[in-house]
Amino acid sequence: MYLHLGKNVVVMYSDIVAVCDLDNSSHSYITRKYLADAEKKGQVVNVCDDLPKSFVVCEASDGSQIVYLSQLASSTLLKRTNTLSFE
């Protein structure tokens, strides 16, 4: 199964590590540092035209991480999975 993040970008459910609300999680110093480090490493992909509302952390099969910035709310992304958990 795939999740559409915006701008014709889709990721496999199995690659998703976390779906986070950018407003709530960016209050934490640790999250801001993680996103800044990912940006420096070139691991951030912006898939929105407007201000991002969420970010999705994915892990590729080689172990590398990619952080997608999406203009869709984290609740919308979770609703697109037809379930509120990955269990």
PDB file of N, CA and C in Angstrom:
ATOM      1  N   MET A   1       0.833  -1.170   0.000  1.00  0.00           N
ATOM      2  CA  MET A   1       0.000   0.000   0.000  1.00  0.00           C
ATOM      3  C   MET A   1       0.886   1.245   0.000  1.00  0.00           C
ATOM      4  N   TYR A   2       0.342   2.320  -0.554  1.00  0.00           N
ATOM      5  CA  TYR A   2       1.081   3.562  -0.702  1.00  0.00           C
ATOM      6  C   TYR A   2       0.316   4.722  -0.082  1.00  0.00           C
ATOM      7  N   LEU A   3       1.062   5.727   0.358  1.00  0.00           N
ATOM      8  CA  LEU A   3       0.475   6.934   0.907  1.00  0.00           C
ATOM      9  C   LEU A   3       0.901   8.114   0.046  1.00  0.00           C
ATOM     10  N   HIS A   4      -0.079   8.883  -0.445  1.00  0.00           N
ATOM     11  CA  HIS A   4       0.192  10.063  -1.270  1.00  0.00           C
ATOM     12  C   HIS A   4       0.465  11.246  -0.342  1.00  0.00           C
ATOM     13  N   LEU A   5       1.641  11.880  -0.505  1.00  0.00           N
ATOM     14  CA  LEU A   5       2.054  12.982   0.360  1.00  0.00           C
ATOM     15  C   LEU A   5       1.829  14.355  -0.262  1.00  0.00           C
ATOM     16  N   GLY A   6       1.623  14.400  -1.567  1.00  0.00           N
ATOM     17  CA  GLY A   6       1.465  15.651  -2.277  1.00  0.00           C
ATOM     18  C   GLY A   6       2.455  15.742  -3.419  1.00  0.00           C
ATOM     19  N   LYS A   7       2.162  16.581  -4.417  1.00  0.00           N
ATOM     20  CA  LYS A   7       3.029  16.781  -5.590  1.00  0.00           C
ATOM     21  C   LYS A   7       3.425  15.462  -6.253  1.00  0.00           C
ATOM     22  N   ASN A   8       2.487  14.560  -6.381  1.00  0.00           N
ATOM     23  CA  ASN A   8       2.712  13.263  -7.023  1.00  0.00           C
ATOM     24  C   ASN A   8       3.794  12.422  -6.352  1.00  0.00           C
ATOM     25  N   VAL A   9       3.979  12.616  -5.060  1.00  0.00           N
ATOM     26  CA  VAL A   9       4.944  11.818  -4.299  1.00  0.00           C
ATOM     27  C   VAL A   9       4.173  10.818  -3.455  1.00  0.00           C
ATOM     28  N   VAL A  10       4.531   9.556  -3.593  1.00  0.00           N
ATOM     29  CA  VAL A  10       3.928   8.496  -2.799  1.00  0.00           C
ATOM     30  C   VAL A  10       5.029   7.690  -2.134  1.00  0.00           C
ATOM     31  N   VAL A  11       4.736   7.168  -0.958  1.00  0.00           N
ATOM     32  CA  VAL A  11       5.682   6.309  -0.240  1.00  0.00           C
ATOM     33  C   VAL A  11       4.957   5.041   0.187  1.00  0.00           C
ATOM     34  N   MET A  12       5.701   3.988   0.301  1.00  0.00           N
ATOM     35  CA  MET A  12       5.129   2.725   0.767  1.00  0.00           C
ATOM     36  C   MET A  12       4.892   2.798   2.276  1.00  0.00           C
ATOM     37  N   TYR A  13       3.787   2.208   2.732  1.00  0.00           N
ATOM     38  CA  TYR A  13       3.489   2.188   4.166  1.00  0.00           C
ATOM     39  C   TYR A  13       4.651   1.582   4.945  1.00  0.00           C
ATOM     40  N   SER A  14       5.249   0.540   4.402  1.00  0.00           N
ATOM     41  CA  SER A  14       6.314  -0.162   5.127  1.00  0.00           C
ATOM     42  C   SER A  14       7.556   0.697   5.320  1.00  0.00           C
ATOM     43  N   ASP A  15       7.720   1.762   4.540  1.00  0.00           N
ATOM     44  CA  ASP A  15       8.885   2.646   4.673  1.00  0.00           C
ATOM     45  C   ASP A  15       8.661   3.762   5.692  1.00  0.00           C
ATOM     46  N   ILE A  16       7.419   3.974   6.121  1.00  0.00           N
ATOM     47  CA  ILE A  16       7.097   5.079   7.016  1.00  0.00           C
ATOM     48  C   ILE A  16       7.511   4.738   8.444  1.00  0.00           C
ATOM     49  N   VAL A  17       8.295   5.653   9.022  1.00  0.00           N
ATOM     50  CA  VAL A  17       8.718   5.516  10.414  1.00  0.00           C
ATOM     51  C   VAL A  17       7.836   6.377  11.313  1.00  0.00           C
ATOM     52  N   ALA A  18       7.529   7.607  10.860  1.00  0.00           N
ATOM     53  CA  ALA A  18       6.726   8.518  11.672  1.00  0.00           C
ATOM     54  C   ALA A  18       5.996   9.525  10.790  1.00  0.00           C
ATOM     55  N   VAL A  19       4.801   9.910  11.237  1.00  0.00           N
ATOM     56  CA  VAL A  19       4.043  11.003  10.635  1.00  0.00           C
ATOM     57  C   VAL A  19       3.818  12.001  11.759  1.00  0.00           C
ATOM     58  N   CYS A  20       4.374  13.208  11.608  1.00  0.00           N
ATOM     59  CA  CYS A  20       4.349  14.185  12.700  1.00  0.00           C
ATOM     60  C   CYS A  20       3.745  15.502  12.271  1.00  0.00           C
ATOM     61  N   ASP A  21       3.011  16.111  13.187  1.00  0.00           N
ATOM     62  CA  ASP A  21       2.461  17.440  12.980  1.00  0.00           C
ATOM     63  C   ASP A  21       3.591  18.438  13.195  1.00  0.00           C
ATOM     64  N   LEU A  22       3.856  19.270  12.228  1.00  0.00           N
ATOM     65  CA  LEU A  22       4.994  20.187  12.294  1.00  0.00           C
ATOM     66  C   LEU A  22       4.809  21.253  13.370  1.00  0.00           C
ATOM     67  N   ASP A  23       3.607  21.781  13.531  1.00  0.00           N
ATOM     68  CA  ASP A  23       3.378  22.824  14.541  1.00  0.00           C
ATOM     69  C   ASP A  23       3.616  22.311  15.954  1.00  0.00           C
ATOM     70  N   ASN A  24       3.060  21.160  16.274  1.00  0.00           N
ATOM     71  CA  ASN A  24       3.187  20.627  17.631  1.00  0.00           C
ATOM     72  C   ASN A  24       4.585  20.105  17.932  1.00  0.00           C
ATOM     73  N   SER A  25       5.175  19.415  16.991  1.00  0.00           N
ATOM     74  CA  SER A  25       6.461  18.784  17.269  1.00  0.00           C
ATOM     75  C   SER A  25       7.638  19.745  17.171  1.00  0.00           C
ATOM     76  N   SER A  26       7.478  20.861  16.473  1.00  0.00           N
ATOM     77  CA  SER A  26       8.597  21.791  16.326  1.00  0.00           C
ATOM     78  C   SER A  26       8.839  22.628  17.575  1.00  0.00           C
ATOM     79  N   HIS A  27       8.014  22.490  18.594  1.00  0.00           N
ATOM     80  CA  HIS A  27       8.258  23.167  19.864  1.00  0.00           C
ATOM     81  C   HIS A  27       9.439  22.531  20.590  1.00  0.00           C
ATOM     82  N   SER A  28       9.710  21.284  20.294  1.00  0.00           N
ATOM     83  CA  SER A  28      10.794  20.559  20.950  1.00  0.00           C
ATOM     84  C   SER A  28      12.131  20.884  20.296  1.00  0.00           C
ATOM     85  N   TYR A  29      13.123  21.153  21.115  1.00  0.00           N
ATOM     86  CA  TYR A  29      14.474  21.424  20.628  1.00  0.00           C
ATOM     87  C   TYR A  29      15.027  20.211  19.874  1.00  0.00           C
ATOM     88  N   ILE A  30      14.726  19.028  20.357  1.00  0.00           N
ATOM     89  CA  ILE A  30      15.245  17.798  19.746  1.00  0.00           C
ATOM     90  C   ILE A  30      14.706  17.638  18.320  1.00  0.00           C
ATOM     91  N   THR A  31      13.425  17.913  18.139  1.00  0.00           N
ATOM     92  CA  THR A  31      12.829  17.810  16.805  1.00  0.00           C
ATOM     93  C   THR A  31      13.411  18.853  15.864  1.00  0.00           C
ATOM     94  N   ARG A  32      13.548  20.086  16.342  1.00  0.00           N
ATOM     95  CA  ARG A  32      14.136  21.130  15.505  1.00  0.00           C
ATOM     96  C   ARG A  32      15.563  20.775  15.108  1.00  0.00           C
ATOM     97  N   LYS A  33      16.337  20.222  16.042  1.00  0.00           N
ATOM     98  CA  LYS A  33      17.713  19.810  15.744  1.00  0.00           C
ATOM     99  C   LYS A  33      17.726  18.662  14.737  1.00  0.00           C
ATOM    100  N   TYR A  34      16.820  17.695  14.904  1.00  0.00           N
ATOM    101  CA  TYR A  34      16.734  16.569  13.971  1.00  0.00           C
ATOM    102  C   TYR A  34      16.439  17.061  12.558  1.00  0.00           C
ATOM    103  N   LEU A  35      15.469  17.964  12.431  1.00  0.00           N
ATOM    104  CA  LEU A  35      15.102  18.484  11.108  1.00  0.00           C
ATOM    105  C   LEU A  35      16.234  19.321  10.503  1.00  0.00           C
ATOM    106  N   ALA A  36      16.929  20.097  11.327  1.00  0.00           N
ATOM    107  CA  ALA A  36      18.060  20.895  10.827  1.00  0.00           C
ATOM    108  C   ALA A  36      19.198  19.988  10.358  1.00  0.00           C
ATOM    109  N   ASP A  37      19.484  18.929  11.118  1.00  0.00           N
ATOM    110  CA  ASP A  37      20.536  17.983  10.724  1.00  0.00           C
ATOM    111  C   ASP A  37      20.162  17.250   9.441  1.00  0.00           C
ATOM    112  N   ALA A  38      18.893  16.864   9.324  1.00  0.00           N
ATOM    113  CA  ALA A  38      18.437  16.183   8.113  1.00  0.00           C
ATOM    114  C   ALA A  38      18.549  17.102   6.908  1.00  0.00           C
ATOM    115  N   GLU A  39      18.250  18.383   7.113  1.00  0.00           N
ATOM    116  CA  GLU A  39      18.367  19.367   6.037  1.00  0.00           C
ATOM    117  C   GLU A  39      19.827  19.500   5.588  1.00  0.00           C
ATOM    118  N   LYS A  40      20.740  19.557   6.542  1.00  0.00           N
ATOM    119  CA  LYS A  40      22.168  19.674   6.222  1.00  0.00           C
ATOM    120  C   LYS A  40      22.679  18.463   5.455  1.00  0.00           C
ATOM    121  N   LYS A  41      22.136  17.286   5.777  1.00  0.00           N
ATOM    122  CA  LYS A  41      22.554  16.040   5.121  1.00  0.00           C
ATOM    123  C   LYS A  41      21.868  15.833   3.773  1.00  0.00           C
ATOM    124  N   GLY A  42      20.943  16.714   3.419  1.00  0.00           N
ATOM    125  CA  GLY A  42      20.224  16.589   2.153  1.00  0.00           C
ATOM    126  C   GLY A  42      19.149  15.528   2.174  1.00  0.00           C
ATOM    127  N   GLN A  43      18.621  15.238   3.350  1.00  0.00           N
ATOM    128  CA  GLN A  43      17.617  14.191   3.497  1.00  0.00           C
ATOM    129  C   GLN A  43      16.187  14.733   3.497  1.00  0.00           C
ATOM    130  N   VAL A  44      16.015  16.037   3.348  1.00  0.00           N
ATOM    131  CA  VAL A  44      14.679  16.637   3.394  1.00  0.00           C
ATOM    132  C   VAL A  44      14.189  16.885   1.973  1.00  0.00           C
ATOM    133  N   VAL A  45      12.964  16.429   1.716  1.00  0.00           N
ATOM    134  CA  VAL A  45      12.320  16.632   0.417  1.00  0.00           C
ATOM    135  C   VAL A  45      11.040  17.415   0.665  1.00  0.00           C
ATOM    136  N   ASN A  46      10.940  18.590   0.060  1.00  0.00           N
ATOM    137  CA  ASN A  46       9.766  19.432   0.213  1.00  0.00           C
ATOM    138  C   ASN A  46       8.762  19.064  -0.879  1.00  0.00           C
ATOM    139  N   VAL A  47       7.606  18.552  -0.482  1.00  0.00           N
ATOM    140  CA  VAL A  47       6.581  18.155  -1.451  1.00  0.00           C
ATOM    141  C   VAL A  47       5.339  19.041  -1.318  1.00  0.00           C
ATOM    142  N   CYS A  48       5.575  20.325  -1.021  1.00  0.00           N
ATOM    143  CA  CYS A  48       4.440  21.230  -0.896  1.00  0.00           C
ATOM    144  C   CYS A  48       4.755  22.571  -1.536  1.00  0.00           C
ATOM    145  N   ASP A  49       3.692  23.232  -1.976  1.00  0.00           N
ATOM    146  CA  ASP A  49       3.823  24.561  -2.546  1.00  0.00           C
ATOM    147  C   ASP A  49       3.603  25.635  -1.486  1.00  0.00           C
ATOM    148  N   ASP A  50       2.883  25.289  -0.454  1.00  0.00           N
ATOM    149  CA  ASP A  50       2.518  26.209   0.605  1.00  0.00           C
ATOM    150  C   ASP A  50       3.366  25.898   1.837  1.00  0.00           C
ATOM    151  N   LEU A  51       3.003  26.458   2.974  1.00  0.00           N
ATOM    152  CA  LEU A  51       3.708  26.151   4.210  1.00  0.00           C
ATOM    153  C   LEU A  51       3.451  24.696   4.597  1.00  0.00           C
ATOM    154  N   PRO A  52       4.484  23.984   5.018  1.00  0.00           N
ATOM    155  CA  PRO A  52       4.280  22.585   5.423  1.00  0.00           C
ATOM    156  C   PRO A  52       3.517  22.499   6.747  1.00  0.00           C
ATOM    157  N   LYS A  53       2.669  21.490   6.831  1.00  0.00           N
ATOM    158  CA  LYS A  53       1.900  21.253   8.055  1.00  0.00           C
ATOM    159  C   LYS A  53       2.378  20.002   8.780  1.00  0.00           C
ATOM    160  N   SER A  54       3.041  19.121   8.046  1.00  0.00           N
ATOM    161  CA  SER A  54       3.494  17.874   8.659  1.00  0.00           C
ATOM    162  C   SER A  54       4.786  17.424   8.005  1.00  0.00           C
ATOM    163  N   PHE A  55       5.430  16.476   8.665  1.00  0.00           N
ATOM    164  CA  PHE A  55       6.575  15.828   8.036  1.00  0.00           C
ATOM    165  C   PHE A  55       6.478  14.331   8.256  1.00  0.00           C
ATOM    166  N   VAL A  56       6.972  13.598   7.274  1.00  0.00           N
ATOM    167  CA  VAL A  56       6.907  12.143   7.294  1.00  0.00           C
ATOM    168  C   VAL A  56       8.337  11.628   7.193  1.00  0.00           C
ATOM    169  N   VAL A  57       8.734  10.826   8.172  1.00  0.00           N
ATOM    170  CA  VAL A  57      10.065  10.229   8.175  1.00  0.00           C
ATOM    171  C   VAL A  57       9.951   8.835   7.582  1.00  0.00           C
ATOM    172  N   CYS A  58      10.752   8.568   6.553  1.00  0.00           N
ATOM    173  CA  CYS A  58      10.752   7.262   5.898  1.00  0.00           C
ATOM    174  C   CYS A  58      12.156   6.679   5.927  1.00  0.00           C
ATOM    175  N   GLU A  59      12.226   5.367   5.976  1.00  0.00           N
ATOM    176  CA  GLU A  59      13.502   4.669   5.946  1.00  0.00           C
ATOM    177  C   GLU A  59      13.536   3.777   4.718  1.00  0.00           C
ATOM    178  N   ALA A  60      14.566   3.960   3.909  1.00  0.00           N
ATOM    179  CA  ALA A  60      14.735   3.164   2.699  1.00  0.00           C
ATOM    180  C   ALA A  60      15.322   1.802   3.054  1.00  0.00           C
ATOM    181  N   SER A  61      15.322   0.906   2.093  1.00  0.00           N
ATOM    182  CA  SER A  61      15.834  -0.444   2.339  1.00  0.00           C
ATOM    183  C   SER A  61      17.323  -0.455   2.669  1.00  0.00           C
ATOM    184  N   ASP A  62      18.056   0.583   2.239  1.00  0.00           N
ATOM    185  CA  ASP A  62      19.489   0.646   2.552  1.00  0.00           C
ATOM    186  C   ASP A  62      19.756   1.283   3.916  1.00  0.00           C
ATOM    187  N   GLY A  63      18.712   1.649   4.650  1.00  0.00           N
ATOM    188  CA  GLY A  63      18.863   2.203   5.982  1.00  0.00           C
ATOM    189  C   GLY A  63      18.908   3.722   6.028  1.00  0.00           C
ATOM    190  N   SER A  64      18.956   4.380   4.883  1.00  0.00           N
ATOM    191  CA  SER A  64      18.979   5.834   4.871  1.00  0.00           C
ATOM    192  C   SER A  64      17.583   6.386   5.159  1.00  0.00           C
ATOM    193  N   GLN A  65      17.545   7.599   5.696  1.00  0.00           N
ATOM    194  CA  GLN A  65      16.276   8.223   6.023  1.00  0.00           C
ATOM    195  C   GLN A  65      15.995   9.382   5.086  1.00  0.00           C
ATOM    196  N   ILE A  66      14.715   9.582   4.812  1.00  0.00           N
ATOM    197  CA  ILE A  66      14.250  10.715   4.022  1.00  0.00           C
ATOM    198  C   ILE A  66      13.106  11.359   4.808  1.00  0.00           C
ATOM    199  N   VAL A  67      13.155  12.675   4.920  1.00  0.00           N
ATOM    200  CA  VAL A  67      12.103  13.418   5.605  1.00  0.00           C
ATOM    201  C   VAL A  67      11.337  14.208   4.551  1.00  0.00           C
ATOM    202  N   TYR A  68      10.049  13.924   4.420  1.00  0.00           N
ATOM    203  CA  TYR A  68       9.194  14.618   3.468  1.00  0.00           C
ATOM    204  C   TYR A  68       8.395  15.688   4.203  1.00  0.00           C
ATOM    205  N   LEU A  69       8.443  16.918   3.717  1.00  0.00           N
ATOM    206  CA  LEU A  69       7.615  17.988   4.248  1.00  0.00           C
ATOM    207  C   LEU A  69       6.360  18.060   3.395  1.00  0.00           C
ATOM    208  N   SER A  70       5.195  17.982   4.033  1.00  0.00           N
ATOM    209  CA  SER A  70       3.927  17.939   3.309  1.00  0.00           C
ATOM    210  C   SER A  70       3.014  19.060   3.758  1.00  0.00           C
ATOM    211  N   GLN A  71       2.230  19.591   2.816  1.00  0.00           N
ATOM    212  CA  GLN A  71       1.264  20.618   3.166  1.00  0.00           C
ATOM    213  C   GLN A  71      -0.017  20.018   3.727  1.00  0.00           C
ATOM    214  N   LEU A  72      -0.114  18.702   3.721  1.00  0.00           N
ATOM    215  CA  LEU A  72      -1.281  18.018   4.280  1.00  0.00           C
ATOM    216  C   LEU A  72      -1.096  17.834   5.780  1.00  0.00           C
ATOM    217  N   ALA A  73      -2.166  17.962   6.515  1.00  0.00           N
ATOM    218  CA  ALA A  73      -2.118  17.766   7.963  1.00  0.00           C
ATOM    219  C   ALA A  73      -1.840  16.294   8.271  1.00  0.00           C
ATOM    220  N   SER A  74      -1.195  16.056   9.404  1.00  0.00           N
ATOM    221  CA  SER A  74      -0.883  14.681   9.787  1.00  0.00           C
ATOM    222  C   SER A  74      -2.159  13.853   9.940  1.00  0.00           C
ATOM    223  N   SER A  75      -3.242  14.470  10.418  1.00  0.00           N
ATOM    224  CA  SER A  75      -4.506  13.743  10.553  1.00  0.00           C
ATOM    225  C   SER A  75      -5.053  13.338   9.188  1.00  0.00           C
ATOM    226  N   THR A  76      -4.882  14.190   8.188  1.00  0.00           N
ATOM    227  CA  THR A  76      -5.326  13.859   6.830  1.00  0.00           C
ATOM    228  C   THR A  76      -4.513  12.698   6.280  1.00  0.00           C
ATOM    229  N   LEU A  77      -3.213  12.728   6.497  1.00  0.00           N
ATOM    230  CA  LEU A  77      -2.362  11.634   6.016  1.00  0.00           C
ATOM    231  C   LEU A  77      -2.753  10.315   6.669  1.00  0.00           C
ATOM    232  N   LEU A  78      -3.042  10.361   7.962  1.00  0.00           N
ATOM    233  CA  LEU A  78      -3.447   9.139   8.648  1.00  0.00           C
ATOM    234  C   LEU A  78      -4.813   8.646   8.175  1.00  0.00           C
ATOM    235  N   LYS A  79      -5.729   9.560   7.863  1.00  0.00           N
ATOM    236  CA  LYS A  79      -7.032   9.152   7.341  1.00  0.00           C
ATOM    237  C   LYS A  79      -6.895   8.480   5.979  1.00  0.00           C
ATOM    238  N   ARG A  80      -5.904   8.916   5.209  1.00  0.00           N
ATOM    239  CA  ARG A  80      -5.684   8.306   3.892  1.00  0.00           C
ATOM    240  C   ARG A  80      -5.232   6.861   3.988  1.00  0.00           C
ATOM    241  N   THR A  81      -4.747   6.469   5.110  1.00  0.00           N
ATOM    242  CA  THR A  81      -4.322   5.074   5.272  1.00  0.00           C
ATOM    243  C   THR A  81      -5.498   4.161   5.610  1.00  0.00           C
ATOM    244  N   ASN A  82      -6.684   4.758   5.822  1.00  0.00           N
ATOM    245  CA  ASN A  82      -7.900   4.026   6.184  1.00  0.00           C
ATOM    246  C   ASN A  82      -7.826   3.393   7.568  1.00  0.00           C
ATOM    247  N   THR A  83      -6.841   3.765   8.323  1.00  0.00           N
ATOM    248  CA  THR A  83      -6.701   3.286   9.697  1.00  0.00           C
ATOM    249  C   THR A  83      -5.905   4.321  10.469  1.00  0.00           C
ATOM    250  N   LEU A  84      -6.079   4.365  11.767  1.00  0.00           N
ATOM    251  CA  LEU A  84      -5.338   5.329  12.574  1.00  0.00           C
ATOM    252  C   LEU A  84      -4.104   4.721  13.220  1.00  0.00           C
ATOM    253  N   SER A  85      -3.779   3.486  12.851  1.00  0.00           N
ATOM    254  CA  SER A  85      -2.555   2.888  13.361  1.00  0.00           C
ATOM    255  C   SER A  85      -1.991   1.964  12.298  1.00  0.00           C
ATOM    256  N   PHE A  86      -0.729   1.644  12.447  1.00  0.00           N
ATOM    257  CA  PHE A  86      -0.051   0.753  11.500  1.00  0.00           C
ATOM    258  C   PHE A  86       0.065  -0.656  12.064  1.00  0.00           C
ATOM    259  N   GLU A  87      -0.767  -0.992  13.019  1.00  0.00           N
ATOM    260  CA  GLU A  87      -0.694  -2.320  13.646  1.00  0.00           C
ATOM    261  C   GLU A  87      -1.221  -3.385  12.723  1.00  0.00           C
TER     262      GLU A  87
END
